[in-house]
PDB file of N, CA and C in Angstrom:
ATOM      1  N   MET A   1      33.217  -2.399  18.128  1.00  0.00           N
ATOM      2  CA  MET A   1      33.793  -2.747  16.857  1.00  0.00           C
ATOM      3  C   MET A   1      33.091  -3.942  16.214  1.00  0.00           C
ATOM      4  N   LEU A   2      32.654  -4.897  17.018  1.00  0.00           N
ATOM      5  CA  LEU A   2      31.974  -6.081  16.497  1.00  0.00           C
ATOM      6  C   LEU A   2      30.547  -6.123  17.009  1.00  0.00           C
ATOM      7  N   LYS A   3      29.650  -6.629  16.176  1.00  0.00           N
ATOM      8  CA  LYS A   3      28.247  -6.725  16.565  1.00  0.00           C
ATOM      9  C   LYS A   3      27.727  -8.097  16.159  1.00  0.00           C
ATOM     10  N   ILE A   4      26.969  -8.727  17.056  1.00  0.00           N
ATOM     11  CA  ILE A   4      26.340 -10.013  16.789  1.00  0.00           C
ATOM     12  C   ILE A   4      24.830  -9.802  16.833  1.00  0.00           C
ATOM     13  N   VAL A   5      24.148 -10.200  15.766  1.00  0.00           N
ATOM     14  CA  VAL A   5      22.688 -10.073  15.684  1.00  0.00           C
ATOM     15  C   VAL A   5      22.115 -11.464  15.436  1.00  0.00           C
ATOM     16  N   VAL A   6      21.129 -11.860  16.237  1.00  0.00           N
ATOM     17  CA  VAL A   6      20.511 -13.174  16.104  1.00  0.00           C
ATOM     18  C   VAL A   6      19.014 -12.997  15.914  1.00  0.00           C
ATOM     19  N   GLU A   7      18.466 -13.674  14.898  1.00  0.00           N
ATOM     20  CA  GLU A   7      17.035 -13.567  14.598  1.00  0.00           C
ATOM     21  C   GLU A   7      16.431 -14.957  14.438  1.00  0.00           C
ATOM     22  N   GLN A   8      15.169 -15.067  14.806  1.00  0.00           N
ATOM     23  CA  GLN A   8      14.418 -16.291  14.587  1.00  0.00           C
ATOM     24  C   GLN A   8      12.994 -15.897  14.223  1.00  0.00           C
ATOM     25  N   GLY A   9      12.539 -16.361  13.074  1.00  0.00           N
ATOM     26  CA  GLY A   9      11.183 -16.054  12.642  1.00  0.00           C
ATOM     27  C   GLY A   9      10.915 -14.567  12.493  1.00  0.00           C
ATOM     28  N   GLY A  10      11.928 -13.803  12.090  1.00  0.00           N
ATOM     29  CA  GLY A  10      11.767 -12.367  11.899  1.00  0.00           C
ATOM     30  C   GLY A  10      11.869 -11.546  13.180  1.00  0.00           C
ATOM     31  N   THR A  11      12.116 -12.195  14.303  1.00  0.00           N
ATOM     32  CA  THR A  11      12.242 -11.510  15.587  1.00  0.00           C
ATOM     33  C   THR A  11      13.690 -11.547  16.052  1.00  0.00           C
ATOM     34  N   THR A  12      14.199 -10.409  16.508  1.00  0.00           N
ATOM     35  CA  THR A  12      15.554 -10.348  17.042  1.00  0.00           C
ATOM     36  C   THR A  12      15.560 -10.971  18.436  1.00  0.00           C
ATOM     37  N   LEU A  13      16.496 -11.897  18.651  1.00  0.00           N
ATOM     38  CA  LEU A  13      16.610 -12.562  19.945  1.00  0.00           C
ATOM     39  C   LEU A  13      17.574 -11.814  20.851  1.00  0.00           C
ATOM     40  N   ARG A  14      17.289 -11.847  22.142  1.00  0.00           N
ATOM     41  CA  ARG A  14      18.141 -11.189  23.136  1.00  0.00           C
ATOM     42  C   ARG A  14      19.403 -12.012  23.331  1.00  0.00           C
ATOM     43  N   ILE A  15      20.547 -11.340  23.262  1.00  0.00           N
ATOM     44  CA  ILE A  15      21.843 -11.985  23.464  1.00  0.00           C
ATOM     45  C   ILE A  15      22.479 -11.394  24.715  1.00  0.00           C
ATOM     46  N   GLU A  16      22.944 -12.254  25.605  1.00  0.00           N
ATOM     47  CA  GLU A  16      23.714 -11.785  26.756  1.00  0.00           C
ATOM     48  C   GLU A  16      25.168 -11.723  26.328  1.00  0.00           C
ATOM     49  N   ILE A  17      25.734 -10.526  26.349  1.00  0.00           N
ATOM     50  CA  ILE A  17      27.120 -10.341  25.928  1.00  0.00           C
ATOM     51  C   ILE A  17      27.929  -9.847  27.120  1.00  0.00           C
ATOM     52  N   ASN A  18      28.837 -10.698  27.581  1.00  0.00           N
ATOM     53  CA  ASN A  18      29.714 -10.352  28.697  1.00  0.00           C
ATOM     54  C   ASN A  18      31.164 -10.235  28.264  1.00  0.00           C
ATOM     55  N   TYR A  19      31.439 -10.606  27.013  1.00  0.00           N
ATOM     56  CA  TYR A  19      32.806 -10.612  26.511  1.00  0.00           C
ATOM     57  C   TYR A  19      32.834  -9.920  25.159  1.00  0.00           C
ATOM     58  N   ASP A  20      33.306  -8.703  25.126  1.00  0.00           N
ATOM     59  CA  ASP A  20      33.423  -7.954  23.874  1.00  0.00           C
ATOM     60  C   ASP A  20      34.580  -6.970  24.003  1.00  0.00           C
ATOM     61  N   LYS A  21      35.759  -7.492  23.927  1.00  0.00           N
ATOM     62  CA  LYS A  21      36.955  -6.704  24.208  1.00  0.00           C
ATOM     63  C   LYS A  21      37.774  -6.417  22.960  1.00  0.00           C
ATOM     64  N   GLN A  22      38.322  -5.231  22.921  1.00  0.00           N
ATOM     65  CA  GLN A  22      39.293  -4.882  21.890  1.00  0.00           C
ATOM     66  C   GLN A  22      40.666  -4.956  22.560  1.00  0.00           C
ATOM     67  N   VAL A  23      41.548  -5.776  22.014  1.00  0.00           N
ATOM     68  CA  VAL A  23      42.863  -5.932  22.621  1.00  0.00           C
ATOM     69  C   VAL A  23      43.859  -4.991  21.961  1.00  0.00           C
ATOM     70  N   TRP A  24      44.981  -4.790  22.629  1.00  0.00           N
ATOM     71  CA  TRP A  24      45.953  -3.785  22.194  1.00  0.00           C
ATOM     72  C   TRP A  24      46.486  -4.023  20.789  1.00  0.00           C
ATOM     73  N   SER A  25      46.516  -5.263  20.328  1.00  0.00           N
ATOM     74  CA  SER A  25      47.082  -5.549  19.012  1.00  0.00           C
ATOM     75  C   SER A  25      46.138  -5.185  17.868  1.00  0.00           C
ATOM     76  N   GLY A  26      44.898  -4.838  18.210  1.00  0.00           N
ATOM     77  CA  GLY A  26      43.927  -4.507  17.179  1.00  0.00           C
ATOM     78  C   GLY A  26      42.995  -5.655  16.858  1.00  0.00           C
ATOM     79  N   LEU A  27      43.368  -6.866  17.261  1.00  0.00           N
ATOM     80  CA  LEU A  27      42.485  -7.998  17.070  1.00  0.00           C
ATOM     81  C   LEU A  27      41.362  -7.916  18.095  1.00  0.00           C
ATOM     82  N   SER A  28      40.165  -8.233  17.683  1.00  0.00           N
ATOM     83  CA  SER A  28      39.030  -8.154  18.589  1.00  0.00           C
ATOM     84  C   SER A  28      38.251  -9.451  18.548  1.00  0.00           C
ATOM     85  N   TRP A  29      37.470  -9.686  19.598  1.00  0.00           N
ATOM     86  CA  TRP A  29      36.612 -10.853  19.629  1.00  0.00           C
ATOM     87  C   TRP A  29      35.379 -10.512  20.449  1.00  0.00           C
ATOM     88  N   GLY A  30      34.345 -11.251  20.228  1.00  0.00           N
ATOM     89  CA  GLY A  30      33.114 -11.071  20.976  1.00  0.00           C
ATOM     90  C   GLY A  30      32.446 -12.414  21.162  1.00  0.00           C
ATOM     91  N   ALA A  31      31.658 -12.545  22.205  1.00  0.00           N
ATOM     92  CA  ALA A  31      30.922 -13.777  22.468  1.00  0.00           C
ATOM     93  C   ALA A  31      29.596 -13.406  23.104  1.00  0.00           C
ATOM     94  N   GLY A  32      28.581 -14.181  22.784  1.00  0.00           N
ATOM     95  CA  GLY A  32      27.268 -13.932  23.366  1.00  0.00           C
ATOM     96  C   GLY A  32      26.566 -15.238  23.661  1.00  0.00           C
ATOM     97  N   GLU A  33      25.553 -15.167  24.522  1.00  0.00           N
ATOM     98  CA  GLU A  33      24.800 -16.355  24.912  1.00  0.00           C
ATOM     99  C   GLU A  33      23.312 -16.081  24.759  1.00  0.00           C
ATOM    100  N   ILE A  34      22.612 -17.057  24.190  1.00  0.00           N
ATOM    101  CA  ILE A  34      21.155 -16.980  24.079  1.00  0.00           C
ATOM    102  C   ILE A  34      20.587 -18.071  24.973  1.00  0.00           C
ATOM    103  N   LYS A  35      19.818 -17.693  25.948  1.00  0.00           N
ATOM    104  CA  LYS A  35      19.215 -18.654  26.870  1.00  0.00           C
ATOM    105  C   LYS A  35      18.190 -19.503  26.131  1.00  0.00           C
ATOM    106  N   HIS A  36      18.098 -20.771  26.515  1.00  0.00           N
ATOM    107  CA  HIS A  36      17.191 -21.711  25.863  1.00  0.00           C
ATOM    108  C   HIS A  36      15.746 -21.208  25.862  1.00  0.00           C
ATOM    109  N   ALA A  37      15.343 -20.549  26.915  1.00  0.00           N
ATOM    110  CA  ALA A  37      13.969 -20.043  27.017  1.00  0.00           C
ATOM    111  C   ALA A  37      13.677 -18.919  26.027  1.00  0.00           C
ATOM    112  N   ASN A  38      14.722 -18.340  25.413  1.00  0.00           N
ATOM    113  CA  ASN A  38      14.545 -17.193  24.521  1.00  0.00           C
ATOM    114  C   ASN A  38      14.455 -17.553  23.045  1.00  0.00           C
ATOM    115  N   PHE A  39      14.445 -18.849  22.711  1.00  0.00           N
ATOM    116  CA  PHE A  39      14.289 -19.247  21.314  1.00  0.00           C
ATOM    117  C   PHE A  39      13.460 -20.522  21.225  1.00  0.00           C
ATOM    118  N   ALA A  40      12.915 -20.764  20.036  1.00  0.00           N
ATOM    119  CA  ALA A  40      12.086 -21.942  19.800  1.00  0.00           C
ATOM    120  C   ALA A  40      12.953 -23.058  19.231  1.00  0.00           C
ATOM    121  N   ALA A  41      13.054 -24.161  19.957  1.00  0.00           N
ATOM    122  CA  ALA A  41      13.838 -25.308  19.478  1.00  0.00           C
ATOM    123  C   ALA A  41      13.218 -25.851  18.197  1.00  0.00           C
ATOM    124  N   GLY A  42      14.068 -26.279  17.271  1.00  0.00           N
ATOM    125  CA  GLY A  42      13.598 -26.869  16.024  1.00  0.00           C
ATOM    126  C   GLY A  42      13.277 -25.875  14.924  1.00  0.00           C
ATOM    127  N   SER A  43      13.431 -24.594  15.197  1.00  0.00           N
ATOM    128  CA  SER A  43      13.171 -23.548  14.211  1.00  0.00           C
ATOM    129  C   SER A  43      14.496 -22.871  13.855  1.00  0.00           C
ATOM    130  N   PRO A  44      14.733 -22.563  12.575  1.00  0.00           N
ATOM    131  CA  PRO A  44      16.018 -21.969  12.172  1.00  0.00           C
ATOM    132  C   PRO A  44      16.326 -20.647  12.879  1.00  0.00           C
ATOM    133  N   ILE A  45      17.594 -20.446  13.143  1.00  0.00           N
ATOM    134  CA  ILE A  45      18.100 -19.208  13.756  1.00  0.00           C
ATOM    135  C   ILE A  45      19.125 -18.614  12.797  1.00  0.00           C
ATOM    136  N   ARG A  46      19.039 -17.303  12.573  1.00  0.00           N
ATOM    137  CA  ARG A  46      19.986 -16.601  11.708  1.00  0.00           C
ATOM    138  C   ARG A  46      20.926 -15.786  12.595  1.00  0.00           C
ATOM    139  N   ILE A  47      22.246 -15.983  12.389  1.00  0.00           N
ATOM    140  CA  ILE A  47      23.251 -15.261  13.158  1.00  0.00           C
ATOM    141  C   ILE A  47      24.067 -14.415  12.186  1.00  0.00           C
ATOM    142  N   ARG A  48      24.147 -13.106  12.475  1.00  0.00           N
ATOM    143  CA  ARG A  48      24.958 -12.204  11.647  1.00  0.00           C
ATOM    144  C   ARG A  48      26.036 -11.588  12.522  1.00  0.00           C
ATOM    145  N   CYS A  49      27.260 -11.593  12.018  1.00  0.00           N
ATOM    146  CA  CYS A  49      28.378 -10.956  12.701  1.00  0.00           C
ATOM    147  C   CYS A  49      28.831  -9.789  11.843  1.00  0.00           C
ATOM    148  N   LEU A  50      28.910  -8.619  12.451  1.00  0.00           N
ATOM    149  CA  LEU A  50      29.228  -7.391  11.717  1.00  0.00           C
ATOM    150  C   LEU A  50      30.435  -6.701  12.335  1.00  0.00           C
ATOM    151  N   SER A  51      31.188  -6.019  11.500  1.00  0.00           N
ATOM    152  CA  SER A  51      32.340  -5.246  11.954  1.00  0.00           C
ATOM    153  C   SER A  51      32.169  -3.797  11.531  1.00  0.00           C
ATOM    154  N   GLU A  52      32.599  -2.885  12.399  1.00  0.00           N
ATOM    155  CA  GLU A  52      32.580  -1.459  12.070  1.00  0.00           C
ATOM    156  C   GLU A  52      33.887  -1.029  11.407  1.00  0.00           C
ATOM    157  N   GLU A  53      34.785  -1.988  11.200  1.00  0.00           N
ATOM    158  CA  GLU A  53      36.074  -1.701  10.571  1.00  0.00           C
ATOM    159  C   GLU A  53      35.844  -1.155   9.164  1.00  0.00           C
ATOM    160  N   LYS A  54      36.567  -0.118   8.788  1.00  0.00           N
ATOM    161  CA  LYS A  54      36.402   0.513   7.473  1.00  0.00           C
ATOM    162  C   LYS A  54      37.053  -0.305   6.354  1.00  0.00           C
ATOM    163  N   SER A  55      38.161  -0.972   6.669  1.00  0.00           N
ATOM    164  CA  SER A  55      38.823  -1.786   5.652  1.00  0.00           C
ATOM    165  C   SER A  55      38.221  -3.194   5.647  1.00  0.00           C
ATOM    166  N   LYS A  56      38.536  -3.942   4.598  1.00  0.00           N
ATOM    167  CA  LYS A  56      38.007  -5.291   4.444  1.00  0.00           C
ATOM    168  C   LYS A  56      38.553  -6.197   5.551  1.00  0.00           C
ATOM    169  N   VAL A  57      37.663  -6.980   6.173  1.00  0.00           N
ATOM    170  CA  VAL A  57      38.062  -7.905   7.229  1.00  0.00           C
ATOM    171  C   VAL A  57      37.464  -9.283   6.954  1.00  0.00           C
ATOM    172  N   VAL A  58      38.035 -10.278   7.577  1.00  0.00           N
ATOM    173  CA  VAL A  58      37.500 -11.632   7.521  1.00  0.00           C
ATOM    174  C   VAL A  58      36.967 -11.961   8.911  1.00  0.00           C
ATOM    175  N   LEU A  59      35.679 -12.270   8.994  1.00  0.00           N
ATOM    176  CA  LEU A  59      35.075 -12.637  10.275  1.00  0.00           C
ATOM    177  C   LEU A  59      34.921 -14.152  10.332  1.00  0.00           C
ATOM    178  N   GLU A  60      35.211 -14.709  11.480  1.00  0.00           N
ATOM    179  CA  GLU A  60      35.097 -16.149  11.678  1.00  0.00           C
ATOM    180  C   GLU A  60      34.139 -16.379  12.847  1.00  0.00           C
ATOM    181  N   GLY A  61      33.217 -17.293  12.678  1.00  0.00           N
ATOM    182  CA  GLY A  61      32.254 -17.564  13.732  1.00  0.00           C
ATOM    183  C   GLY A  61      32.293 -19.005  14.185  1.00  0.00           C
ATOM    184  N   HIS A  62      32.000 -19.202  15.459  1.00  0.00           N
ATOM    185  CA  HIS A  62      31.916 -20.542  16.040  1.00  0.00           C
ATOM    186  C   HIS A  62      30.629 -20.608  16.854  1.00  0.00           C
ATOM    187  N   LEU A  63      29.932 -21.711  16.752  1.00  0.00           N
ATOM    188  CA  LEU A  63      28.676 -21.898  17.461  1.00  0.00           C
ATOM    189  C   LEU A  63      28.817 -23.110  18.373  1.00  0.00           C
ATOM    190  N   TYR A  64      28.405 -22.940  19.631  1.00  0.00           N
ATOM    191  CA  TYR A  64      28.500 -24.019  20.605  1.00  0.00           C
ATOM    192  C   TYR A  64      27.134 -24.237  21.235  1.00  0.00           C
ATOM    193  N   SER A  65      26.787 -25.487  21.431  1.00  0.00           N
ATOM    194  CA  SER A  65      25.574 -25.861  22.131  1.00  0.00           C
ATOM    195  C   SER A  65      25.982 -26.432  23.478  1.00  0.00           C
ATOM    196  N   VAL A  66      25.377 -25.935  24.543  1.00  0.00           N
ATOM    197  CA  VAL A  66      25.721 -26.380  25.881  1.00  0.00           C
ATOM    198  C   VAL A  66      24.523 -27.092  26.480  1.00  0.00           C
ATOM    199  N   ASP A  67      24.734 -28.330  26.892  1.00  0.00           N
ATOM    200  CA  ASP A  67      23.692 -29.107  27.567  1.00  0.00           C
ATOM    201  C   ASP A  67      24.011 -29.156  29.048  1.00  0.00           C
ATOM    202  N   CYS A  68      23.020 -28.825  29.856  1.00  0.00           N
ATOM    203  CA  CYS A  68      23.231 -28.856  31.313  1.00  0.00           C
ATOM    204  C   CYS A  68      22.439 -29.979  31.939  1.00  0.00           C
TER     205      CYS A  68
END
């Protein structure tokens, strides 16, 4: 139902998606992770979130940076 697409410099980046569940109430959520080695630091990244829902929906996105 939900799709996350990430691009940098015209190239689609690989996203690890382990959480993409549709819950019984109809609300859905998805999360993905891009490993640091898979993108160039300091260069813009484009993130698109898409829904296959036929009716109008509002998508909300959150971005987190994790330092290890």
